[in-house]
Each structure stands twice: as structure tokens, then as C-alpha cells.
Amino acid sequence: MGIFKPKIPSPPKDEELERQMKERREEEEAEKKRKAEEDKERKWRKSEGMIGSRSLFSRAGGKGFYYEGKEQ
């Protein structure tokens, strides 16, 4: 009868794959954190009038002399 079947052993863990997945997750978290910081900085600069269509540092048509911290 099929009541008492042996348990199938789980596959062995691949340590290299686990390490790669962990590194990738850490990189994605760091990228997400960096992106959040950039968005926060951009929002602050927009609120201060440093960037945007009505900024004092830009010209009509978006050809201003001030691009994301670089003077041209």
C-alpha cells in the first residue's frame, strides 16, 4: 500500500548560488537607497528653484547653463 512512503530528500544547497544571490540582493538594496537619496536631493533642489522650467538657472526650452550640479 502507499500509506508509508519514504520522504524525498531535499536537494543539496548550492553555496555559490546562495552567495551570488545574497550579493545581488545587497547590490539592489544599495542601488535602491542611492536612488532614494538622489530623488530626495532632486526634490529639494526643485523646491528651492534650482532646477525646473521656472528656475532662475535655466533658459527657455530647457537649454539652461545649470544641469544637475554642472555649470556649462
N, C-alpha and C. Protein backbone atom coordinates (compact mmCIF):
# COMPACT_ATOMS: atom_id res chain seq x y z
N MET A 1 0.83 -1.16 0.00
CA MET A 1 0.00 0.00 0.00
C MET A 1 0.89 1.25 0.00
N GLY A 2 0.30 2.39 -0.24
CA GLY A 2 1.07 3.61 -0.38
C GLY A 2 0.97 4.55 0.80
N ILE A 3 0.64 4.05 1.97
CA ILE A 3 0.48 4.93 3.13
C ILE A 3 1.84 5.41 3.64
N PHE A 4 2.77 4.50 3.75
CA PHE A 4 4.07 4.85 4.33
C PHE A 4 5.11 4.96 3.21
N LYS A 5 5.19 6.13 2.63
CA LYS A 5 6.16 6.37 1.56
C LYS A 5 7.38 7.04 2.16
N PRO A 6 8.55 6.72 1.67
CA PRO A 6 9.75 7.39 2.20
C PRO A 6 9.77 8.86 1.75
N LYS A 7 10.27 9.73 2.62
CA LYS A 7 10.36 11.15 2.29
C LYS A 7 11.47 11.36 1.27
N ILE A 8 11.18 12.22 0.33
CA ILE A 8 12.18 12.56 -0.68
C ILE A 8 13.12 13.59 -0.07
N PRO A 9 14.42 13.33 -0.10
CA PRO A 9 15.37 14.29 0.50
C PRO A 9 15.42 15.57 -0.33
N SER A 10 15.59 16.69 0.35
CA SER A 10 15.67 17.97 -0.35
C SER A 10 17.00 18.03 -1.09
N PRO A 11 17.04 18.77 -2.18
CA PRO A 11 18.29 18.86 -2.95
C PRO A 11 19.36 19.58 -2.13
N PRO A 12 20.61 19.24 -2.36
CA PRO A 12 21.68 19.90 -1.60
C PRO A 12 21.75 21.39 -1.95
N LYS A 13 22.12 22.20 -0.98
CA LYS A 13 22.22 23.64 -1.19
C LYS A 13 23.49 23.95 -1.96
N ASP A 14 23.35 24.88 -2.88
CA ASP A 14 24.49 25.33 -3.65
C ASP A 14 25.01 26.60 -2.98
N GLU A 15 26.12 26.50 -2.30
CA GLU A 15 26.66 27.63 -1.53
C GLU A 15 27.06 28.79 -2.45
N GLU A 16 27.60 28.48 -3.62
CA GLU A 16 28.00 29.52 -4.55
C GLU A 16 26.78 30.31 -5.04
N LEU A 17 25.71 29.60 -5.36
CA LEU A 17 24.49 30.25 -5.81
C LEU A 17 23.90 31.12 -4.69
N GLU A 18 23.89 30.61 -3.47
CA GLU A 18 23.38 31.38 -2.34
C GLU A 18 24.19 32.66 -2.14
N ARG A 19 25.51 32.57 -2.28
CA ARG A 19 26.38 33.73 -2.11
C ARG A 19 26.10 34.77 -3.20
N GLN A 20 25.94 34.29 -4.45
CA GLN A 20 25.67 35.21 -5.55
C GLN A 20 24.32 35.91 -5.37
N MET A 21 23.32 35.16 -4.93
CA MET A 21 22.01 35.76 -4.70
C MET A 21 22.07 36.81 -3.60
N LYS A 22 22.82 36.53 -2.54
CA LYS A 22 22.96 37.47 -1.44
C LYS A 22 23.66 38.75 -1.91
N GLU A 23 24.73 38.60 -2.70
CA GLU A 23 25.44 39.77 -3.21
C GLU A 23 24.53 40.61 -4.11
N ARG A 24 23.77 39.94 -4.97
CA ARG A 24 22.87 40.66 -5.87
C ARG A 24 21.81 41.41 -5.08
N ARG A 25 21.26 40.79 -4.04
CA ARG A 25 20.26 41.45 -3.20
C ARG A 25 20.86 42.68 -2.53
N GLU A 26 22.10 42.56 -2.02
CA GLU A 26 22.75 43.70 -1.37
C GLU A 26 22.99 44.83 -2.36
N GLU A 27 23.41 44.48 -3.59
CA GLU A 27 23.63 45.50 -4.61
C GLU A 27 22.32 46.20 -4.96
N GLU A 28 21.24 45.46 -5.08
CA GLU A 28 19.94 46.06 -5.41
C GLU A 28 19.47 46.98 -4.29
N GLU A 29 19.70 46.57 -3.04
CA GLU A 29 19.32 47.43 -1.91
C GLU A 29 20.15 48.70 -1.90
N ALA A 30 21.45 48.59 -2.19
CA ALA A 30 22.31 49.78 -2.23
C ALA A 30 21.87 50.71 -3.35
N GLU A 31 21.53 50.14 -4.51
CA GLU A 31 21.07 50.94 -5.64
C GLU A 31 19.75 51.64 -5.30
N LYS A 32 18.86 50.92 -4.64
CA LYS A 32 17.57 51.50 -4.24
C LYS A 32 17.78 52.65 -3.26
N LYS A 33 18.70 52.48 -2.33
CA LYS A 33 19.00 53.53 -1.35
C LYS A 33 19.61 54.75 -2.04
N ARG A 34 20.53 54.51 -2.98
CA ARG A 34 21.16 55.61 -3.70
C ARG A 34 20.12 56.37 -4.52
N LYS A 35 19.21 55.63 -5.15
CA LYS A 35 18.16 56.25 -5.96
C LYS A 35 17.24 57.10 -5.08
N ALA A 36 16.91 56.60 -3.89
CA ALA A 36 16.05 57.36 -2.98
C ALA A 36 16.74 58.65 -2.55
N GLU A 37 18.05 58.59 -2.30
CA GLU A 37 18.79 59.79 -1.90
C GLU A 37 18.82 60.80 -3.05
N GLU A 38 19.03 60.31 -4.28
CA GLU A 38 19.04 61.22 -5.43
C GLU A 38 17.68 61.87 -5.63
N ASP A 39 16.61 61.09 -5.46
CA ASP A 39 15.26 61.64 -5.60
C ASP A 39 14.99 62.70 -4.54
N LYS A 40 15.46 62.44 -3.33
CA LYS A 40 15.27 63.40 -2.24
C LYS A 40 16.02 64.70 -2.54
N GLU A 41 17.27 64.57 -3.04
CA GLU A 41 18.06 65.74 -3.38
C GLU A 41 17.41 66.52 -4.53
N ARG A 42 16.93 65.79 -5.53
CA ARG A 42 16.29 66.44 -6.68
C ARG A 42 15.02 67.17 -6.24
N LYS A 43 14.24 66.56 -5.37
CA LYS A 43 13.02 67.19 -4.88
C LYS A 43 13.36 68.47 -4.11
N TRP A 44 14.40 68.42 -3.30
CA TRP A 44 14.81 69.60 -2.53
C TRP A 44 15.27 70.71 -3.48
N ARG A 45 16.08 70.35 -4.47
CA ARG A 45 16.58 71.35 -5.41
C ARG A 45 15.45 71.96 -6.23
N LYS A 46 14.46 71.15 -6.57
CA LYS A 46 13.31 71.67 -7.31
C LYS A 46 12.52 72.64 -6.44
N SER A 47 12.36 72.29 -5.15
CA SER A 47 11.61 73.18 -4.26
C SER A 47 12.35 74.48 -4.01
N GLU A 48 13.68 74.46 -4.09
CA GLU A 48 14.47 75.67 -3.90
C GLU A 48 14.57 76.51 -5.17
N GLY A 49 14.08 75.98 -6.29
CA GLY A 49 14.09 76.73 -7.54
C GLY A 49 15.39 76.60 -8.30
N MET A 50 16.19 75.62 -7.97
CA MET A 50 17.46 75.45 -8.68
C MET A 50 17.28 74.73 -10.01
N ILE A 51 16.28 73.86 -10.10
CA ILE A 51 16.01 73.16 -11.34
C ILE A 51 14.52 73.26 -11.64
N GLY A 52 14.16 73.09 -12.87
CA GLY A 52 12.76 73.15 -13.26
C GLY A 52 12.54 74.16 -14.37
N SER A 53 11.37 74.17 -14.92
CA SER A 53 11.08 75.04 -16.06
C SER A 53 11.04 76.51 -15.67
N ARG A 54 10.76 76.82 -14.41
CA ARG A 54 10.68 78.22 -13.98
C ARG A 54 11.89 78.63 -13.15
N SER A 55 12.94 77.87 -13.24
CA SER A 55 14.14 78.12 -12.46
C SER A 55 14.88 79.36 -12.98
N LEU A 56 15.56 80.05 -12.08
CA LEU A 56 16.38 81.18 -12.48
C LEU A 56 17.65 80.72 -13.19
N PHE A 57 17.96 79.44 -13.05
CA PHE A 57 19.20 78.91 -13.62
C PHE A 57 18.98 78.24 -14.97
N SER A 58 17.86 78.46 -15.58
CA SER A 58 17.60 77.81 -16.87
C SER A 58 17.14 78.84 -17.88
N ARG A 59 17.19 78.46 -19.12
CA ARG A 59 16.70 79.30 -20.20
C ARG A 59 15.46 78.64 -20.79
N ALA A 60 14.75 79.36 -21.61
CA ALA A 60 13.55 78.81 -22.24
C ALA A 60 13.93 77.61 -23.11
N GLY A 61 13.10 76.61 -23.09
CA GLY A 61 13.36 75.43 -23.90
C GLY A 61 14.26 74.43 -23.22
N GLY A 62 14.63 74.65 -21.98
CA GLY A 62 15.44 73.69 -21.25
C GLY A 62 16.91 73.72 -21.60
N LYS A 63 17.39 74.80 -22.23
CA LYS A 63 18.80 74.88 -22.60
C LYS A 63 19.53 75.80 -21.63
N GLY A 64 19.37 75.54 -20.37
CA GLY A 64 19.99 76.37 -19.36
C GLY A 64 21.47 76.08 -19.21
N PHE A 65 22.11 76.85 -18.38
CA PHE A 65 23.55 76.66 -18.15
C PHE A 65 23.79 75.85 -16.89
N TYR A 66 22.74 75.35 -16.27
CA TYR A 66 22.90 74.64 -15.00
C TYR A 66 22.23 73.27 -15.12
N TYR A 67 23.02 72.22 -15.22
CA TYR A 67 22.50 70.86 -15.36
C TYR A 67 22.97 70.01 -14.20
N GLU A 68 22.11 69.65 -13.30
CA GLU A 68 22.38 68.70 -12.22
C GLU A 68 23.74 68.91 -11.58
N GLY A 69 24.04 70.12 -11.18
CA GLY A 69 25.27 70.39 -10.46
C GLY A 69 26.45 70.72 -11.34
N LYS A 70 26.29 70.72 -12.63
CA LYS A 70 27.40 71.03 -13.54
C LYS A 70 27.13 72.38 -14.18
N GLU A 71 28.11 73.23 -14.18
CA GLU A 71 27.97 74.52 -14.85
C GLU A 71 28.55 74.39 -16.23
N GLN A 72 27.84 74.92 -17.22
CA GLN A 72 28.34 74.85 -18.60
C GLN A 72 28.39 76.21 -19.21
